Amino acid sequence: MVEAIWGEHKSADQIARISAALLASNEVVLATRVSAEKAAAVLTLLPAAPLRYHAEAACLCSGPLPAPQNGAGTVAVVAGGSSDLRVASEAALALACHGIAQELVLDVGVAGLHRLLERLDQLRSADVLIACAGMEGALPTVLAGLLPQPVIGVPVSVGYGVSAGGQAALHGMLASCAPGLAVVNIDNGYGAAMAALRIMQGGSSPSARSAAGPQGA
């Protein structure tokens, strides 16, 4: 797994030094929670490095990204609306770093349930679903009640006062009546992507994964 650099509380100099060390070891760089200003400073410090800033995900990533692996499966990253886009994009980018095909499915929140129902056939083709939701965080529960795939809920820190920066969504997902719903921490798109990756790699036996090498089957 690609170990992400937590960029929010690191300086541009620290991110640049860690990135340079990873690139020197032929490792993938993925720095999350990086502002545009901080990313610009990192790129100035490493002008020759193959780094690109993904503004929608607020991430710095080395490239080029690997092509999706044949037979590795697909993850649908589902979100209620554009307010959830940063977290959803972080999850999608983290999957792309591992060669996992992913699809962003936006504007399907429960406030307009008909829009979600119209996309169910599309979502059935995915192997794993990541559902990002703020407010009361109902979207993962609805998905887990309608579809059989593994569903990973990501509470998003979006909503009016009582939403408490994602706490209401987190508690709602943890208290979900949909059995088997997995939940990661608030705004943790990267963590949801890694949970999806573990689920998809778990489709082969440990001995097969070992024989296939560090990237798994």
Protein backbone atom coordinates (compact mmCIF):
# COMPACT_ATOMS: atom_id res chain seq x y z
CA MET A 1 0.00 0.00 0.00
CA VAL A 2 1.07 3.55 -0.72
CA GLU A 3 1.64 5.28 2.60
CA ALA A 4 0.20 8.78 2.38
CA ILE A 5 1.95 11.89 3.64
CA TRP A 6 -0.35 13.85 5.95
CA GLY A 7 0.15 17.30 4.46
CA GLU A 8 -2.15 19.53 6.49
CA HIS A 9 0.17 19.99 9.45
CA LYS A 10 3.49 19.67 7.62
CA SER A 11 5.40 22.55 6.10
CA ALA A 12 6.15 22.74 2.40
CA ASP A 13 9.80 22.02 3.20
CA GLN A 14 8.90 18.88 5.16
CA ILE A 15 6.63 17.60 2.38
CA ALA A 16 9.33 18.31 -0.20
CA ARG A 17 12.01 16.45 1.78
CA ILE A 18 9.77 13.40 2.34
CA SER A 19 8.69 13.42 -1.30
CA ALA A 20 12.28 13.58 -2.51
CA ALA A 21 13.21 10.61 -0.33
CA LEU A 22 10.27 8.57 -1.60
CA LEU A 23 11.03 9.39 -5.23
CA ALA A 24 14.68 8.43 -4.70
CA SER A 25 13.44 5.02 -3.52
CA ASN A 26 11.10 4.67 -6.53
CA GLU A 27 8.08 4.95 -4.24
CA VAL A 28 4.79 6.62 -5.11
CA VAL A 29 4.22 10.02 -3.50
CA LEU A 30 0.73 10.78 -2.22
CA ALA A 31 0.39 13.80 0.05
CA THR A 32 -3.13 14.48 1.31
CA ARG A 33 -4.77 17.62 2.73
CA VAL A 34 -2.41 19.99 0.92
CA SER A 35 -3.57 23.53 0.15
CA ALA A 36 -2.95 25.05 -3.26
CA GLU A 37 -0.49 27.53 -1.76
CA LYS A 38 1.49 24.82 0.02
CA ALA A 39 1.50 22.65 -3.11
CA ALA A 40 2.90 25.54 -5.14
CA ALA A 41 5.69 25.94 -2.61
CA VAL A 42 6.54 22.22 -2.76
CA LEU A 43 6.64 22.30 -6.56
CA THR A 44 8.98 25.30 -6.39
CA LEU A 45 11.29 23.38 -4.05
CA LEU A 46 11.22 20.31 -6.34
CA PRO A 47 10.98 21.77 -9.85
CA ALA A 48 12.22 18.62 -11.59
CA ALA A 49 10.13 16.15 -9.61
CA PRO A 50 7.25 14.35 -11.38
CA LEU A 51 4.67 15.80 -8.99
CA ARG A 52 1.22 17.08 -9.85
CA TYR A 53 -1.29 18.91 -7.69
CA HIS A 54 -4.83 17.50 -7.85
CA ALA A 55 -6.89 20.48 -6.74
CA GLU A 56 -10.24 18.69 -6.36
CA ALA A 57 -8.65 16.13 -4.02
CA ALA A 58 -6.27 18.65 -2.36
CA CYS A 59 -3.48 16.13 -2.90
CA LEU A 60 0.02 16.10 -4.34
CA CYS A 61 0.82 12.94 -6.25
CA SER A 62 3.70 11.61 -8.32
CA GLY A 63 3.02 10.39 -11.79
CA PRO A 64 2.29 8.99 -14.17
CA LEU A 65 -0.33 6.94 -12.36
CA PRO A 66 -0.46 3.22 -13.18
CA ALA A 67 -3.06 1.98 -15.62
CA PRO A 68 -5.95 0.07 -13.99
CA GLN A 69 -5.01 -3.56 -13.42
CA ASN A 70 -6.94 -6.08 -15.48
CA GLY A 71 -9.16 -8.15 -13.24
CA ALA A 72 -8.45 -6.05 -10.17
CA GLY A 73 -12.04 -4.86 -9.90
CA THR A 74 -13.73 -1.48 -9.76
CA VAL A 75 -14.68 0.85 -6.92
CA ALA A 76 -17.56 3.31 -7.18
CA VAL A 77 -16.98 6.40 -5.05
CA VAL A 78 -20.44 7.79 -4.36
CA ALA A 79 -21.19 11.23 -2.92
CA GLY A 80 -24.26 13.30 -2.22
CA GLY A 81 -23.03 16.48 -3.88
CA SER A 82 -20.17 18.84 -4.65
CA SER A 83 -19.68 19.61 -0.95
CA ASP A 84 -18.36 16.05 -0.59
CA LEU A 85 -16.14 16.27 -3.67
CA ARG A 86 -12.79 16.80 -1.95
CA VAL A 87 -13.13 13.72 0.23
CA ALA A 88 -14.52 11.62 -2.62
CA SER A 89 -11.74 12.77 -4.96
CA GLU A 90 -9.11 11.91 -2.33
CA ALA A 91 -10.48 8.36 -2.20
CA ALA A 92 -10.55 8.05 -5.99
CA LEU A 93 -6.99 9.34 -6.35
CA ALA A 94 -5.67 6.98 -3.66
CA LEU A 95 -7.22 4.07 -5.55
CA ALA A 96 -5.75 5.30 -8.83
CA CYS A 97 -2.29 5.26 -7.21
CA HIS A 98 -2.75 1.50 -6.77
CA GLY A 99 -3.96 0.81 -10.30
CA ILE A 100 -7.56 0.30 -9.21
CA ALA A 101 -10.28 1.44 -11.60
CA GLN A 102 -12.62 3.86 -9.91
CA GLU A 103 -15.65 5.91 -10.83
CA LEU A 104 -16.97 9.04 -9.16
CA VAL A 105 -20.77 9.04 -8.89
CA LEU A 106 -21.89 12.45 -7.66
CA ASP A 107 -25.15 14.25 -6.86
CA VAL A 108 -26.97 11.15 -5.61
CA GLY A 109 -27.69 12.22 -2.03
CA VAL A 110 -30.80 11.08 -0.21
CA ALA A 111 -32.34 14.56 -0.46
CA GLY A 112 -33.11 13.60 -4.08
CA LEU A 113 -33.49 9.86 -3.71
CA HIS A 114 -34.77 9.44 -7.26
CA ARG A 115 -31.33 10.41 -8.57
CA LEU A 116 -29.73 7.57 -6.62
CA LEU A 117 -32.35 5.05 -7.76
CA GLU A 118 -31.65 6.02 -11.36
CA ARG A 119 -27.97 5.04 -10.92
CA LEU A 120 -28.45 1.67 -9.19
CA ASP A 121 -27.79 -0.40 -12.32
CA GLN A 122 -24.54 1.49 -12.81
CA LEU A 123 -23.52 0.94 -9.17
CA ARG A 124 -24.26 -2.79 -9.31
CA SER A 125 -21.29 -3.26 -11.63
CA ALA A 126 -18.78 -2.07 -8.99
CA ASP A 127 -17.05 -4.51 -6.65
CA VAL A 128 -16.90 -2.12 -3.68
CA LEU A 129 -18.80 1.08 -2.89
CA ILE A 130 -17.37 4.04 -0.99
CA ALA A 131 -20.12 6.43 0.13
CA CYS A 132 -19.21 9.94 1.26
CA ALA A 133 -21.91 11.91 3.07
CA GLY A 134 -22.30 14.86 5.41
CA MET A 135 -25.39 16.17 7.22
CA GLU A 136 -26.94 13.07 8.87
CA GLY A 137 -24.82 10.70 6.79
CA ALA A 138 -27.68 8.54 5.51
CA LEU A 139 -26.31 7.70 2.06
CA PRO A 140 -24.18 4.65 3.07
CA THR A 141 -27.12 3.12 4.94
CA VAL A 142 -29.41 3.52 1.94
CA LEU A 143 -26.80 2.00 -0.38
CA ALA A 144 -26.17 -0.92 1.95
CA GLY A 145 -29.91 -1.56 2.09
CA LEU A 146 -30.25 -1.60 -1.70
CA LEU A 147 -27.06 -3.26 -2.97
CA PRO A 148 -25.11 -6.37 -1.93
CA GLN A 149 -21.52 -5.15 -2.33
CA PRO A 150 -19.27 -4.10 0.55
CA VAL A 151 -20.09 -0.48 1.45
CA ILE A 152 -17.59 1.80 3.19
CA GLY A 153 -19.07 4.93 4.72
CA VAL A 154 -17.08 8.16 4.93
CA PRO A 155 -18.63 10.85 7.15
CA VAL A 156 -17.94 14.30 5.75
CA SER A 157 -17.61 17.46 7.84
CA VAL A 158 -20.44 19.25 6.02
CA GLY A 159 -23.68 20.44 7.59
CA TYR A 160 -25.37 23.01 9.81
CA GLY A 161 -24.58 23.45 13.51
CA VAL A 162 -25.85 20.19 14.98
CA SER A 163 -23.88 18.28 12.35
CA ALA A 164 -20.87 19.20 14.53
CA GLY A 165 -18.20 18.99 11.83
CA GLY A 166 -19.16 15.49 10.73
CA GLN A 167 -19.88 14.03 14.17
CA ALA A 168 -23.59 13.56 13.40
CA ALA A 169 -22.76 11.76 10.13
CA LEU A 170 -20.18 9.59 11.90
CA HIS A 171 -22.59 8.59 14.68
CA GLY A 172 -25.38 7.98 12.19
CA MET A 173 -23.21 5.64 10.13
CA LEU A 174 -21.95 3.81 13.21
CA ALA A 175 -25.55 3.36 14.39
CA SER A 176 -26.74 2.22 10.95
CA CYS A 177 -29.35 -0.52 10.78
CA ALA A 178 -27.78 -1.82 7.54
CA PRO A 179 -25.72 -4.87 8.57
CA GLY A 180 -22.08 -5.02 7.52
CA LEU A 181 -21.59 -1.33 6.81
CA ALA A 182 -17.96 -0.36 7.43
CA VAL A 183 -17.17 3.21 8.54
CA VAL A 184 -13.92 5.21 8.54
CA ASN A 185 -13.11 8.46 10.28
CA ILE A 186 -14.45 11.89 9.33
CA ASP A 187 -13.18 13.12 5.92
CA ASN A 188 -10.88 10.08 5.62
CA GLY A 189 -11.13 9.40 1.90
CA TYR A 190 -7.65 7.85 1.88
CA GLY A 191 -8.57 5.43 4.66
CA ALA A 192 -11.72 4.39 2.81
CA ALA A 193 -9.68 3.72 -0.32
CA MET A 194 -7.24 1.53 1.62
CA ALA A 195 -10.15 -0.38 3.19
CA ALA A 196 -11.55 -0.99 -0.30
CA LEU A 197 -8.12 -2.13 -1.49
CA ARG A 198 -7.87 -4.63 1.37
CA ILE A 199 -11.32 -6.01 0.53
CA MET A 200 -10.42 -6.42 -3.14
CA GLN A 201 -7.04 -7.98 -2.42
CA GLY A 202 -8.74 -10.35 0.00
CA GLY A 203 -10.40 -12.08 -2.95
CA SER A 204 -7.28 -14.20 -3.41
CA SER A 205 -5.65 -16.51 -0.88
CA PRO A 206 -2.69 -15.28 1.22
CA SER A 207 -0.40 -17.72 -0.61
CA ALA A 208 -1.55 -16.39 -3.99
CA ARG A 209 -0.99 -12.81 -2.87
CA SER A 210 2.50 -13.71 -1.64
CA ALA A 211 3.34 -15.36 -4.96
CA ALA A 212 2.07 -12.33 -6.84
CA GLY A 213 4.44 -9.99 -5.02
CA PRO A 214 3.93 -6.84 -2.94
CA GLN A 215 1.16 -5.47 -5.15
CA GLY A 216 -1.05 -8.53 -4.49
CA ALA A 217 -3.09 -10.43 -7.00
